[in-house]
Amino acid sequence: MKIDVQFRVLGSEIPADHGYPLLSALARFVPGLHGDDTVGVHAISGRFVGNRRLALTDRSWLTIRVDARRVAELLPLAGKSLLIDGSLIRIGTPRMRALEPAPRLYSRLVVIKGFMESEAFLEAARRQLEGLGIRGEPQLVPQPAVAAANVGKPTGSRSPCLRRTIRIHDQEVVGFALRVQDLDADESIRLQEHGLGGRRRFGCGIFVPDRREQP
């Protein structure tokens, strides 16, 4: 059984793309996280302030999804300071949160090796769901207004679906935001425990309940 272990994060700003440097900083205190893709390290939320930076807020948490039997490994993080690509943050005391079933789940970034185009990616995600015995329907997250606004511009996403990248070492890894809906309670927990794709320890393929209104 997996749970989310959450720590308050105190500091000023961090890079928006922080999955790789965050794991590197965490592994200094919890070496078992290195190379273990059964552990999911959620992206830290914050407020975009430009220049690919996030300002930390009172809703910024470090959340690590781990087997409940391994919680003790994470407790040494409390009170530690982490240097994330030049940005210093301090980790507060932990709290535990059980995974909650929801009929619709969301992952901000799913990476499936070899699938960087939307249609092929969606089919690959569907096959992985079937492999887990999950009958829910995967959906890419549309962003037509963003795509239209960036037509003719030298930068910015032109994809009609929410496409994201993460830098790992010197490589840009491409993936998509993904919703999975029509889940029963067992399927919902199973998907949250297993995730989809790879790079879980860098924040990819981790699902949470999606309670937002769909466009």
Protein backbone atom coordinates (compact mmCIF):
# COMPACT_ATOMS: atom_id res chain seq x y z
CA MET A 1 0.00 0.00 0.00
CA LYS A 2 1.33 3.42 -0.94
CA ILE A 3 0.74 6.74 0.77
CA ASP A 4 1.79 10.34 0.20
CA VAL A 5 4.26 11.78 2.70
CA GLN A 6 4.06 15.57 2.60
CA PHE A 7 6.49 18.17 3.95
CA ARG A 8 5.93 21.91 4.03
CA VAL A 9 8.41 23.76 1.84
CA LEU A 10 9.80 27.11 2.95
CA GLY A 11 11.79 29.40 0.71
CA SER A 12 11.51 31.99 -2.04
CA GLU A 13 11.67 30.56 -5.55
CA ILE A 14 12.60 27.36 -7.35
CA PRO A 15 12.99 26.46 -11.03
CA ALA A 16 9.73 25.48 -12.70
CA ASP A 17 11.50 22.43 -14.16
CA HIS A 18 12.91 21.04 -10.92
CA GLY A 19 12.31 17.27 -11.07
CA TYR A 20 15.93 16.23 -11.65
CA PRO A 21 17.68 18.68 -9.28
CA LEU A 22 15.06 17.98 -6.59
CA LEU A 23 15.72 14.25 -6.71
CA SER A 24 19.47 14.85 -6.60
CA ALA A 25 19.07 17.01 -3.49
CA LEU A 26 16.75 14.50 -1.78
CA ALA A 27 19.07 11.56 -2.49
CA ARG A 28 21.82 13.21 -0.41
CA PHE A 29 19.70 12.53 2.69
CA VAL A 30 17.71 9.49 1.47
CA PRO A 31 20.06 7.52 -0.81
CA GLY A 32 17.41 4.86 -1.40
CA LEU A 33 15.50 7.27 -3.65
CA HIS A 34 18.25 7.23 -6.26
CA GLY A 35 17.35 4.93 -9.16
CA ASP A 36 14.08 3.75 -7.56
CA ASP A 37 11.18 4.40 -9.92
CA THR A 38 8.69 2.78 -7.53
CA VAL A 39 8.88 6.04 -5.55
CA GLY A 40 7.00 9.04 -6.92
CA VAL A 41 8.29 12.53 -6.13
CA HIS A 42 5.54 15.01 -6.98
CA ALA A 43 6.41 18.34 -8.56
CA ILE A 44 6.33 21.17 -6.00
CA SER A 45 3.54 23.60 -6.74
CA GLY A 46 3.99 27.37 -6.77
CA ARG A 47 3.09 30.57 -8.58
CA PHE A 48 4.72 31.27 -11.92
CA VAL A 49 6.72 34.49 -11.82
CA GLY A 50 8.37 34.37 -15.24
CA ASN A 51 11.79 33.29 -16.44
CA ARG A 52 10.80 29.65 -15.83
CA ARG A 53 10.63 30.22 -12.07
CA LEU A 54 8.07 29.37 -9.39
CA ALA A 55 7.46 31.43 -6.27
CA LEU A 56 6.74 29.20 -3.27
CA THR A 57 3.46 29.82 -1.44
CA ASP A 58 1.73 28.51 1.68
CA ARG A 59 0.39 25.72 -0.58
CA SER A 60 3.83 24.51 -1.64
CA TRP A 61 4.53 21.00 -0.39
CA LEU A 62 7.16 18.38 -1.04
CA THR A 63 5.12 15.21 -1.60
CA ILE A 64 6.67 11.77 -1.94
CA ARG A 65 4.54 8.74 -2.81
CA VAL A 66 6.05 5.66 -1.25
CA ASP A 67 5.15 2.25 0.12
CA ALA A 68 3.82 2.74 3.64
CA ARG A 69 6.50 0.42 5.02
CA ARG A 70 9.21 2.87 3.86
CA VAL A 71 7.92 6.02 5.54
CA ALA A 72 10.69 5.91 8.16
CA GLU A 73 13.28 6.36 5.39
CA LEU A 74 11.87 9.81 4.63
CA LEU A 75 11.65 11.19 8.15
CA PRO A 76 15.29 12.44 8.18
CA LEU A 77 14.27 15.05 5.57
CA ALA A 78 12.40 17.08 8.21
CA GLY A 79 14.27 20.28 9.03
CA LYS A 80 16.83 19.84 6.26
CA SER A 81 17.82 22.48 3.69
CA LEU A 82 17.96 21.49 0.03
CA LEU A 83 19.78 23.28 -2.76
CA ILE A 84 17.76 22.90 -5.97
CA ASP A 85 19.71 24.18 -8.94
CA GLY A 86 20.98 27.12 -6.90
CA SER A 87 17.73 27.78 -4.99
CA LEU A 88 17.73 27.04 -1.25
CA ILE A 89 14.58 25.64 0.40
CA ARG A 90 13.92 24.30 3.87
CA ILE A 91 11.82 21.21 4.59
CA GLY A 92 9.26 21.27 7.39
CA THR A 93 7.66 18.49 9.43
CA PRO A 94 5.86 15.66 7.64
CA ARG A 95 2.26 14.58 7.47
CA MET A 96 0.79 11.40 5.94
CA ARG A 97 -2.06 11.34 3.44
CA ALA A 98 -3.79 8.19 2.28
CA LEU A 99 -4.56 7.86 -1.42
CA GLU A 100 -8.18 8.75 -2.16
CA PRO A 101 -10.24 7.11 -4.91
CA ALA A 102 -11.76 9.47 -7.46
CA PRO A 103 -13.54 8.71 -10.76
CA ARG A 104 -11.20 11.03 -12.67
CA LEU A 105 -7.43 11.34 -12.15
CA TYR A 106 -4.89 13.77 -13.57
CA SER A 107 -1.15 13.70 -14.16
CA ARG A 108 0.60 16.93 -15.10
CA LEU A 109 3.22 15.02 -17.12
CA VAL A 110 3.31 11.42 -18.35
CA VAL A 111 6.39 10.26 -20.25
CA ILE A 112 6.29 7.06 -22.32
CA LYS A 113 9.60 6.29 -24.01
CA GLY A 114 9.40 6.42 -27.78
CA PHE A 115 6.01 8.17 -27.92
CA MET A 116 6.28 11.93 -28.44
CA GLU A 117 3.33 12.50 -30.81
CA SER A 118 -0.13 12.91 -29.31
CA GLU A 119 -2.07 10.12 -31.06
CA ALA A 120 0.61 7.47 -30.65
CA PHE A 121 1.16 8.56 -27.04
CA LEU A 122 -2.55 8.21 -26.24
CA GLU A 123 -2.66 4.69 -27.66
CA ALA A 124 0.44 3.74 -25.67
CA ALA A 125 -1.19 5.09 -22.50
CA ARG A 126 -4.32 3.09 -23.25
CA ARG A 127 -2.27 -0.11 -23.61
CA GLN A 128 -0.54 0.52 -20.29
CA LEU A 129 -3.90 1.03 -18.60
CA GLU A 130 -5.16 -2.24 -20.06
CA GLY A 131 -2.02 -3.94 -18.76
CA LEU A 132 -2.96 -2.78 -15.26
CA GLY A 133 -6.51 -4.04 -15.66
CA ILE A 134 -7.88 -0.49 -15.73
CA ARG A 135 -10.83 0.24 -18.03
CA GLY A 136 -10.81 4.01 -17.55
CA GLU A 137 -10.60 6.27 -20.59
CA PRO A 138 -7.38 8.28 -21.08
CA GLN A 139 -7.68 11.81 -22.47
CA LEU A 140 -5.12 14.38 -23.47
CA VAL A 141 -5.68 17.83 -21.98
CA PRO A 142 -6.67 20.35 -24.69
CA GLN A 143 -5.11 23.80 -24.88
CA PRO A 144 -6.51 25.30 -28.13
CA ALA A 145 -6.29 28.90 -26.90
CA VAL A 146 -2.58 28.53 -26.06
CA ALA A 147 -1.81 26.88 -29.39
CA ALA A 148 -3.67 29.60 -31.31
CA ALA A 149 -1.94 32.40 -29.39
CA ASN A 150 1.52 31.02 -30.24
CA VAL A 151 1.01 30.65 -33.99
CA GLY A 152 3.77 32.58 -35.74
CA LYS A 153 5.76 33.13 -32.53
CA PRO A 154 9.34 31.88 -32.25
CA THR A 155 8.69 30.23 -28.86
CA GLY A 156 5.75 28.74 -26.98
CA SER A 157 3.73 25.57 -27.44
CA ARG A 158 1.71 25.16 -30.63
CA SER A 159 0.38 21.75 -29.63
CA PRO A 160 -3.44 21.56 -29.34
CA CYS A 161 -2.84 19.35 -26.28
CA LEU A 162 -0.90 20.19 -23.14
CA ARG A 163 2.62 18.99 -23.95
CA ARG A 164 5.43 19.39 -21.45
CA THR A 165 9.13 18.66 -21.21
CA ILE A 166 11.46 17.87 -18.34
CA ARG A 167 15.25 18.19 -18.44
CA ILE A 168 17.09 15.15 -17.08
CA HIS A 169 20.87 15.46 -17.24
CA ASP A 170 21.29 17.26 -20.58
CA GLN A 171 18.28 15.67 -22.27
CA GLU A 172 14.85 17.19 -22.88
CA VAL A 173 12.25 14.48 -22.25
CA VAL A 174 8.84 15.04 -23.85
CA GLY A 175 5.45 14.01 -22.49
CA PHE A 176 1.84 15.08 -22.11
CA ALA A 177 -0.60 15.99 -19.37
CA LEU A 178 -3.16 13.21 -19.10
CA ARG A 179 -6.59 12.63 -17.58
CA VAL A 180 -8.09 9.20 -16.98
CA GLN A 181 -11.81 9.13 -16.32
CA ASP A 182 -14.62 6.63 -15.64
CA LEU A 183 -12.61 4.84 -12.97
CA ASP A 184 -14.10 2.72 -10.23
CA ALA A 185 -12.60 2.96 -6.74
CA ASP A 186 -10.25 -0.02 -7.12
CA GLU A 187 -8.98 1.17 -10.50
CA SER A 188 -8.44 4.68 -9.17
CA ILE A 189 -6.24 3.50 -6.30
CA ARG A 190 -4.39 1.07 -8.58
CA LEU A 191 -3.52 3.82 -11.04
CA GLN A 192 -2.34 6.12 -8.25
CA GLU A 193 -0.15 3.35 -6.84
CA HIS A 194 1.38 2.26 -10.17
CA GLY A 195 1.29 5.41 -12.32
CA LEU A 196 1.93 5.38 -16.06
CA GLY A 197 5.08 5.65 -18.13
CA GLY A 198 8.44 6.16 -16.49
CA ARG A 199 10.53 8.74 -14.61
CA ARG A 200 8.31 8.56 -11.54
CA ARG A 201 11.08 9.74 -9.23
CA PHE A 202 11.40 12.89 -11.35
CA GLY A 203 7.69 13.73 -10.99
CA CYS A 204 6.31 12.04 -14.13
CA GLY A 205 3.33 9.71 -14.38
CA ILE A 206 1.99 10.48 -10.88
CA PHE A 207 -1.81 10.74 -10.71
CA VAL A 208 -3.97 12.72 -8.31
CA PRO A 209 -7.76 13.25 -8.11
CA ASP A 210 -8.90 15.75 -10.74
CA ARG A 211 -11.67 17.89 -9.32
CA ARG A 212 -11.33 20.79 -11.76
CA GLU A 213 -13.95 21.63 -14.34
CA GLN A 214 -13.05 20.34 -17.76
CA PRO A 215 -12.90 22.88 -20.59
